[in-house]
Amino acid sequence: MEIFKEVYTRKVSGESFNYELEHTQGADVAWIARVYHDGVLKGSPYGTLTANVLSGPALEQYLRAYVEGMIEWGLDVAE
């Protein structure tokens, strides 16, 4: 399981969110993100990728973009 932490700022509102993303490697990738705003947990979006062919930086970039899109649009992330 790999874990990394990032900060994402919404483009529309300018609000900053910290998130921690955990994921597995391989053909079936499981992931979960814990998203915080001002130290308060606002959501824990999660999912799986099946028949995955990505690895290393490409997988990490894909998952980051997915989670940041969820933050931007408020999907599984409380206001």
N, C-alpha and C. Protein backbone atom coordinates (compact mmCIF):
# COMPACT_ATOMS: atom_id res chain seq x y z
N MET A 1 0.85 -1.18 0.00
CA MET A 1 0.00 0.00 0.00
C MET A 1 0.90 1.24 0.00
N GLU A 2 0.61 2.15 -0.88
CA GLU A 2 1.34 3.41 -0.95
C GLU A 2 0.46 4.53 -0.41
N ILE A 3 1.07 5.50 0.27
CA ILE A 3 0.34 6.62 0.84
C ILE A 3 1.07 7.91 0.47
N PHE A 4 0.33 8.92 0.06
CA PHE A 4 0.94 10.24 -0.11
C PHE A 4 -0.06 11.31 0.31
N LYS A 5 0.48 12.47 0.66
CA LYS A 5 -0.34 13.58 1.14
C LYS A 5 -0.16 14.76 0.20
N GLU A 6 -1.25 15.46 -0.04
CA GLU A 6 -1.24 16.61 -0.95
C GLU A 6 -2.16 17.69 -0.43
N VAL A 7 -2.02 18.88 -1.01
CA VAL A 7 -2.93 19.99 -0.77
C VAL A 7 -3.54 20.36 -2.11
N TYR A 8 -4.86 20.56 -2.14
CA TYR A 8 -5.53 20.96 -3.35
C TYR A 8 -6.36 22.20 -3.06
N THR A 9 -6.29 23.20 -3.93
CA THR A 9 -7.07 24.43 -3.80
C THR A 9 -8.11 24.47 -4.91
N ARG A 10 -9.36 24.60 -4.51
CA ARG A 10 -10.44 24.68 -5.50
C ARG A 10 -10.27 25.91 -6.38
N LYS A 11 -10.47 25.72 -7.66
CA LYS A 11 -10.28 26.82 -8.61
C LYS A 11 -11.36 27.89 -8.47
N VAL A 12 -12.60 27.49 -8.19
CA VAL A 12 -13.70 28.44 -8.13
C VAL A 12 -13.71 29.22 -6.82
N SER A 13 -13.64 28.52 -5.69
CA SER A 13 -13.79 29.18 -4.38
C SER A 13 -12.48 29.57 -3.72
N GLY A 14 -11.38 28.94 -4.13
CA GLY A 14 -10.09 29.22 -3.50
C GLY A 14 -9.88 28.50 -2.19
N GLU A 15 -10.82 27.63 -1.79
CA GLU A 15 -10.67 26.87 -0.55
C GLU A 15 -9.59 25.81 -0.71
N SER A 16 -8.78 25.64 0.34
CA SER A 16 -7.73 24.62 0.32
C SER A 16 -8.16 23.39 1.11
N PHE A 17 -7.85 22.24 0.57
CA PHE A 17 -8.14 20.95 1.20
C PHE A 17 -6.85 20.14 1.26
N ASN A 18 -6.61 19.50 2.38
CA ASN A 18 -5.52 18.54 2.51
C ASN A 18 -6.12 17.17 2.27
N TYR A 19 -5.40 16.32 1.59
CA TYR A 19 -5.88 14.95 1.45
C TYR A 19 -4.74 13.96 1.54
N GLU A 20 -5.08 12.80 2.03
CA GLU A 20 -4.16 11.68 2.13
C GLU A 20 -4.73 10.57 1.27
N LEU A 21 -3.95 10.07 0.35
CA LEU A 21 -4.42 9.05 -0.60
C LEU A 21 -3.62 7.77 -0.40
N GLU A 22 -4.33 6.68 -0.16
CA GLU A 22 -3.74 5.35 0.00
C GLU A 22 -4.17 4.51 -1.19
N HIS A 23 -3.25 3.73 -1.74
CA HIS A 23 -3.63 2.84 -2.84
C HIS A 23 -2.74 1.62 -2.93
N THR A 24 -3.28 0.59 -3.53
CA THR A 24 -2.52 -0.62 -3.78
C THR A 24 -1.97 -0.55 -5.21
N GLN A 25 -1.15 -1.51 -5.56
CA GLN A 25 -0.60 -1.62 -6.92
C GLN A 25 -1.17 -2.87 -7.58
N GLY A 26 -1.03 -2.97 -8.88
CA GLY A 26 -1.40 -4.19 -9.57
C GLY A 26 -2.55 -4.03 -10.55
N ALA A 27 -3.09 -5.17 -10.98
CA ALA A 27 -4.17 -5.17 -11.96
C ALA A 27 -5.47 -4.65 -11.37
N ASP A 28 -5.69 -4.88 -10.08
CA ASP A 28 -6.87 -4.36 -9.38
C ASP A 28 -6.40 -3.44 -8.27
N VAL A 29 -6.56 -2.15 -8.48
CA VAL A 29 -6.08 -1.12 -7.56
C VAL A 29 -7.23 -0.66 -6.67
N ALA A 30 -7.04 -0.76 -5.37
CA ALA A 30 -8.00 -0.21 -4.40
C ALA A 30 -7.41 1.09 -3.87
N TRP A 31 -8.27 2.11 -3.71
CA TRP A 31 -7.77 3.39 -3.20
C TRP A 31 -8.80 4.01 -2.27
N ILE A 32 -8.30 4.83 -1.35
CA ILE A 32 -9.15 5.62 -0.46
C ILE A 32 -8.44 6.94 -0.19
N ALA A 33 -9.20 8.00 -0.17
CA ALA A 33 -8.65 9.32 0.15
C ALA A 33 -9.38 9.85 1.39
N ARG A 34 -8.64 10.49 2.26
CA ARG A 34 -9.24 11.19 3.39
C ARG A 34 -9.02 12.67 3.15
N VAL A 35 -10.12 13.41 3.02
CA VAL A 35 -10.06 14.82 2.63
C VAL A 35 -10.41 15.70 3.83
N TYR A 36 -9.55 16.67 4.14
CA TYR A 36 -9.72 17.55 5.28
C TYR A 36 -9.77 19.01 4.84
N HIS A 37 -10.58 19.78 5.53
CA HIS A 37 -10.62 21.23 5.34
C HIS A 37 -10.54 21.85 6.73
N ASP A 38 -9.53 22.68 6.94
CA ASP A 38 -9.29 23.29 8.26
C ASP A 38 -9.19 22.22 9.35
N GLY A 39 -8.57 21.08 9.03
CA GLY A 39 -8.35 20.02 10.01
C GLY A 39 -9.55 19.14 10.29
N VAL A 40 -10.67 19.39 9.62
CA VAL A 40 -11.89 18.61 9.83
C VAL A 40 -12.08 17.66 8.64
N LEU A 41 -12.32 16.39 8.94
CA LEU A 41 -12.55 15.41 7.89
C LEU A 41 -13.84 15.75 7.14
N LYS A 42 -13.75 15.94 5.84
CA LYS A 42 -14.89 16.32 5.02
C LYS A 42 -15.38 15.20 4.12
N GLY A 43 -14.60 14.15 3.99
CA GLY A 43 -15.03 13.03 3.17
C GLY A 43 -13.94 12.00 3.01
N SER A 44 -14.36 10.79 2.64
CA SER A 44 -13.42 9.69 2.40
C SER A 44 -13.81 8.96 1.12
N PRO A 45 -13.67 9.62 -0.03
CA PRO A 45 -13.99 8.94 -1.28
C PRO A 45 -13.05 7.75 -1.49
N TYR A 46 -13.56 6.72 -2.13
CA TYR A 46 -12.76 5.52 -2.38
C TYR A 46 -13.23 4.85 -3.66
N GLY A 47 -12.44 3.91 -4.13
CA GLY A 47 -12.84 3.20 -5.34
C GLY A 47 -11.84 2.12 -5.70
N THR A 48 -12.07 1.51 -6.84
CA THR A 48 -11.18 0.49 -7.37
C THR A 48 -11.00 0.70 -8.88
N LEU A 49 -9.86 0.31 -9.36
CA LEU A 49 -9.59 0.27 -10.80
C LEU A 49 -9.39 -1.20 -11.15
N THR A 50 -10.18 -1.71 -12.05
CA THR A 50 -10.01 -3.10 -12.47
C THR A 50 -9.35 -3.13 -13.84
N ALA A 51 -8.65 -4.20 -14.10
CA ALA A 51 -7.90 -4.35 -15.35
C ALA A 51 -6.95 -3.18 -15.56
N ASN A 52 -6.35 -2.72 -14.47
CA ASN A 52 -5.44 -1.58 -14.50
C ASN A 52 -4.13 -1.93 -15.20
N VAL A 53 -3.62 -1.01 -16.00
CA VAL A 53 -2.32 -1.21 -16.66
C VAL A 53 -1.32 -0.12 -16.25
N LEU A 54 -1.76 0.82 -15.41
CA LEU A 54 -0.87 1.91 -14.97
C LEU A 54 -0.04 1.48 -13.78
N SER A 55 1.14 2.09 -13.64
CA SER A 55 1.99 1.84 -12.47
C SER A 55 2.85 3.07 -12.24
N GLY A 56 3.47 3.11 -11.07
CA GLY A 56 4.40 4.19 -10.75
C GLY A 56 3.78 5.56 -10.86
N PRO A 57 4.55 6.52 -11.43
CA PRO A 57 4.07 7.90 -11.52
C PRO A 57 2.77 8.05 -12.32
N ALA A 58 2.55 7.23 -13.33
CA ALA A 58 1.33 7.34 -14.14
C ALA A 58 0.10 7.01 -13.30
N LEU A 59 0.17 5.96 -12.48
CA LEU A 59 -0.94 5.59 -11.61
C LEU A 59 -1.17 6.66 -10.56
N GLU A 60 -0.09 7.15 -9.97
CA GLU A 60 -0.20 8.20 -8.96
C GLU A 60 -0.85 9.45 -9.55
N GLN A 61 -0.44 9.85 -10.74
CA GLN A 61 -1.00 11.04 -11.39
C GLN A 61 -2.49 10.85 -11.69
N TYR A 62 -2.86 9.67 -12.16
CA TYR A 62 -4.27 9.38 -12.44
C TYR A 62 -5.11 9.50 -11.18
N LEU A 63 -4.66 8.87 -10.08
CA LEU A 63 -5.42 8.89 -8.84
C LEU A 63 -5.50 10.30 -8.25
N ARG A 64 -4.41 11.04 -8.30
CA ARG A 64 -4.43 12.43 -7.81
C ARG A 64 -5.45 13.26 -8.59
N ALA A 65 -5.42 13.15 -9.92
CA ALA A 65 -6.35 13.92 -10.74
C ALA A 65 -7.79 13.54 -10.44
N TYR A 66 -8.05 12.26 -10.21
CA TYR A 66 -9.40 11.79 -9.91
C TYR A 66 -9.88 12.37 -8.58
N VAL A 67 -9.04 12.26 -7.54
CA VAL A 67 -9.41 12.78 -6.22
C VAL A 67 -9.57 14.29 -6.26
N GLU A 68 -8.67 14.99 -6.92
CA GLU A 68 -8.77 16.45 -7.00
C GLU A 68 -10.02 16.88 -7.77
N GLY A 69 -10.43 16.12 -8.77
CA GLY A 69 -11.69 16.40 -9.46
C GLY A 69 -12.87 16.24 -8.52
N MET A 70 -12.84 15.23 -7.67
CA MET A 70 -13.91 15.02 -6.70
C MET A 70 -13.96 16.18 -5.71
N ILE A 71 -12.80 16.66 -5.29
CA ILE A 71 -12.76 17.80 -4.37
C ILE A 71 -13.32 19.04 -5.07
N GLU A 72 -12.88 19.29 -6.29
CA GLU A 72 -13.33 20.46 -7.04
C GLU A 72 -14.85 20.49 -7.18
N TRP A 73 -15.43 19.35 -7.49
CA TRP A 73 -16.87 19.27 -7.74
C TRP A 73 -17.68 18.93 -6.50
N GLY A 74 -17.01 18.71 -5.35
CA GLY A 74 -17.73 18.43 -4.11
C GLY A 74 -18.37 17.05 -4.07
N LEU A 75 -17.80 16.10 -4.80
CA LEU A 75 -18.33 14.74 -4.84
C LEU A 75 -17.74 13.94 -3.69
N ASP A 76 -18.58 13.43 -2.81
CA ASP A 76 -18.16 12.70 -1.61
C ASP A 76 -17.31 13.55 -0.68
N VAL A 77 -17.41 14.86 -0.81
CA VAL A 77 -16.69 15.79 0.05
C VAL A 77 -17.68 16.83 0.55
N ALA A 78 -17.90 16.87 1.86
CA ALA A 78 -18.88 17.82 2.45
C ALA A 78 -18.38 19.25 2.33
N GLU A 79 -19.33 20.16 2.26
CA GLU A 79 -19.00 21.58 2.20
C GLU A 79 -18.69 22.11 3.58
